[in-house]
Amino acid sequence: TEIAVQQVARFQADHALIGPAAVDAAVGVMYADFDEAQVARAMCDHARNIIVLAHAAKLGRKAAFPVCRLDEIDVLVSDDRPGDAFAAALAAARVELK
């Protein structure tokens, strides 16, 4: 993990594409695995845009390791529209939903 984080830190990417275990309106993007969370955080830190790819079942859920807040996400791509409360949280955070 440490080597992966160091390698990611050497780049400045246009986009970070991350696939988390959970996305919570209050906490944000979360992973269930510590090492995966560290790499995802490094990717987010070194990208101009954060794009989250999450199955609708992961929306509104929590996992152990936070990676970024909702308002840090630029685009959320999901297979289904979230519920009204979650959609409102995305809109308030200025997250583009696709």
Protein backbone atom coordinates (compact mmCIF):
# COMPACT_ATOMS: atom_id res chain seq x y z
CA THR A 1 0.00 0.00 0.00
CA GLU A 2 2.73 2.47 0.93
CA ILE A 3 4.46 1.93 -2.42
CA ALA A 4 1.19 2.41 -4.31
CA VAL A 5 0.45 5.65 -2.44
CA GLN A 6 3.98 6.91 -3.15
CA GLN A 7 3.61 6.10 -6.86
CA VAL A 8 0.23 7.84 -7.09
CA ALA A 9 1.71 10.92 -5.40
CA ARG A 10 4.10 11.35 -8.33
CA PHE A 11 1.26 12.14 -10.74
CA GLN A 12 -1.33 14.84 -11.28
CA ALA A 13 -4.27 13.23 -13.07
CA ASP A 14 -7.26 14.83 -14.72
CA HIS A 15 -9.64 12.30 -13.15
CA ALA A 16 -9.64 9.86 -10.26
CA LEU A 17 -12.12 7.04 -10.84
CA ILE A 18 -12.95 5.29 -7.58
CA GLY A 19 -15.36 2.49 -6.73
CA PRO A 20 -16.10 2.60 -2.99
CA ALA A 21 -17.87 0.18 -0.69
CA ALA A 22 -20.31 2.85 0.48
CA VAL A 23 -21.39 6.46 -0.05
CA ASP A 24 -23.10 8.20 2.86
CA ALA A 25 -24.64 11.67 2.60
CA ALA A 26 -23.08 12.86 5.88
CA VAL A 27 -19.69 11.11 5.77
CA GLY A 28 -19.06 10.77 2.02
CA VAL A 29 -17.16 8.04 0.19
CA MET A 30 -16.00 5.07 2.28
CA TYR A 31 -14.11 1.84 1.82
CA ALA A 32 -14.26 -1.36 3.86
CA ASP A 33 -10.53 -2.04 3.45
CA PHE A 34 -7.90 0.27 4.99
CA ASP A 35 -5.31 -0.24 2.24
CA GLU A 36 -7.82 0.39 -0.55
CA ALA A 37 -8.97 3.54 1.25
CA GLN A 38 -5.39 4.85 1.44
CA VAL A 39 -4.81 4.35 -2.28
CA ALA A 40 -8.19 5.90 -3.17
CA ARG A 41 -7.45 8.92 -0.95
CA ALA A 42 -4.09 9.38 -2.67
CA MET A 43 -5.78 9.18 -6.06
CA CYS A 44 -8.32 11.83 -5.00
CA ASP A 45 -5.57 14.08 -3.63
CA HIS A 46 -3.72 14.02 -6.94
CA ALA A 47 -6.57 14.49 -9.40
CA ARG A 48 -8.43 17.54 -10.66
CA ASN A 49 -11.77 15.70 -10.66
CA ILE A 50 -13.15 12.89 -8.53
CA ILE A 51 -15.54 10.52 -10.24
CA VAL A 52 -17.24 7.93 -8.05
CA LEU A 53 -18.66 4.76 -9.63
CA ALA A 54 -21.14 3.22 -7.21
CA HIS A 55 -23.94 0.70 -7.52
CA ALA A 56 -27.19 2.19 -6.19
CA ALA A 57 -27.18 -0.34 -3.33
CA LYS A 58 -24.02 1.36 -1.97
CA LEU A 59 -25.68 4.76 -1.71
CA GLY A 60 -26.80 5.70 1.78
CA ARG A 61 -24.55 3.04 3.36
CA LYS A 62 -21.49 3.34 5.58
CA ALA A 63 -18.18 1.51 5.72
CA ALA A 64 -15.17 1.68 8.02
CA PHE A 65 -12.73 4.01 6.25
CA PRO A 66 -13.70 7.48 4.92
CA VAL A 67 -11.93 8.64 1.76
CA CYS A 68 -13.55 11.95 0.80
CA ARG A 69 -16.54 14.11 1.64
CA LEU A 70 -19.54 14.35 -0.65
CA ASP A 71 -18.64 17.94 -1.56
CA GLU A 72 -15.25 16.78 -2.89
CA ILE A 73 -16.90 14.56 -5.52
CA ASP A 74 -17.38 16.02 -8.98
CA VAL A 75 -19.46 13.24 -10.55
CA LEU A 76 -21.33 10.25 -9.15
CA VAL A 77 -22.15 7.53 -11.67
CA SER A 78 -24.71 4.97 -10.56
CA ASP A 79 -27.00 2.41 -12.12
CA ASP A 80 -30.15 3.89 -10.56
CA ARG A 81 -31.38 7.20 -9.21
CA PRO A 82 -30.95 7.57 -5.44
CA GLY A 83 -33.81 8.34 -3.09
CA ASP A 84 -35.00 11.92 -2.70
CA ALA A 85 -33.04 12.65 0.50
CA PHE A 86 -29.77 11.35 -0.95
CA ALA A 87 -30.39 13.16 -4.26
CA ALA A 88 -30.94 16.39 -2.29
CA ALA A 89 -27.64 15.85 -0.43
CA LEU A 90 -25.86 15.37 -3.76
CA ALA A 91 -27.42 18.53 -5.16
CA ALA A 92 -26.45 20.50 -2.05
CA ALA A 93 -22.87 19.24 -2.41
CA ARG A 94 -22.91 20.16 -6.12
CA VAL A 95 -22.27 16.59 -7.22
CA GLU A 96 -23.25 15.85 -10.81
CA LEU A 97 -25.32 12.65 -10.94
CA LYS A 98 -25.15 10.39 -13.98
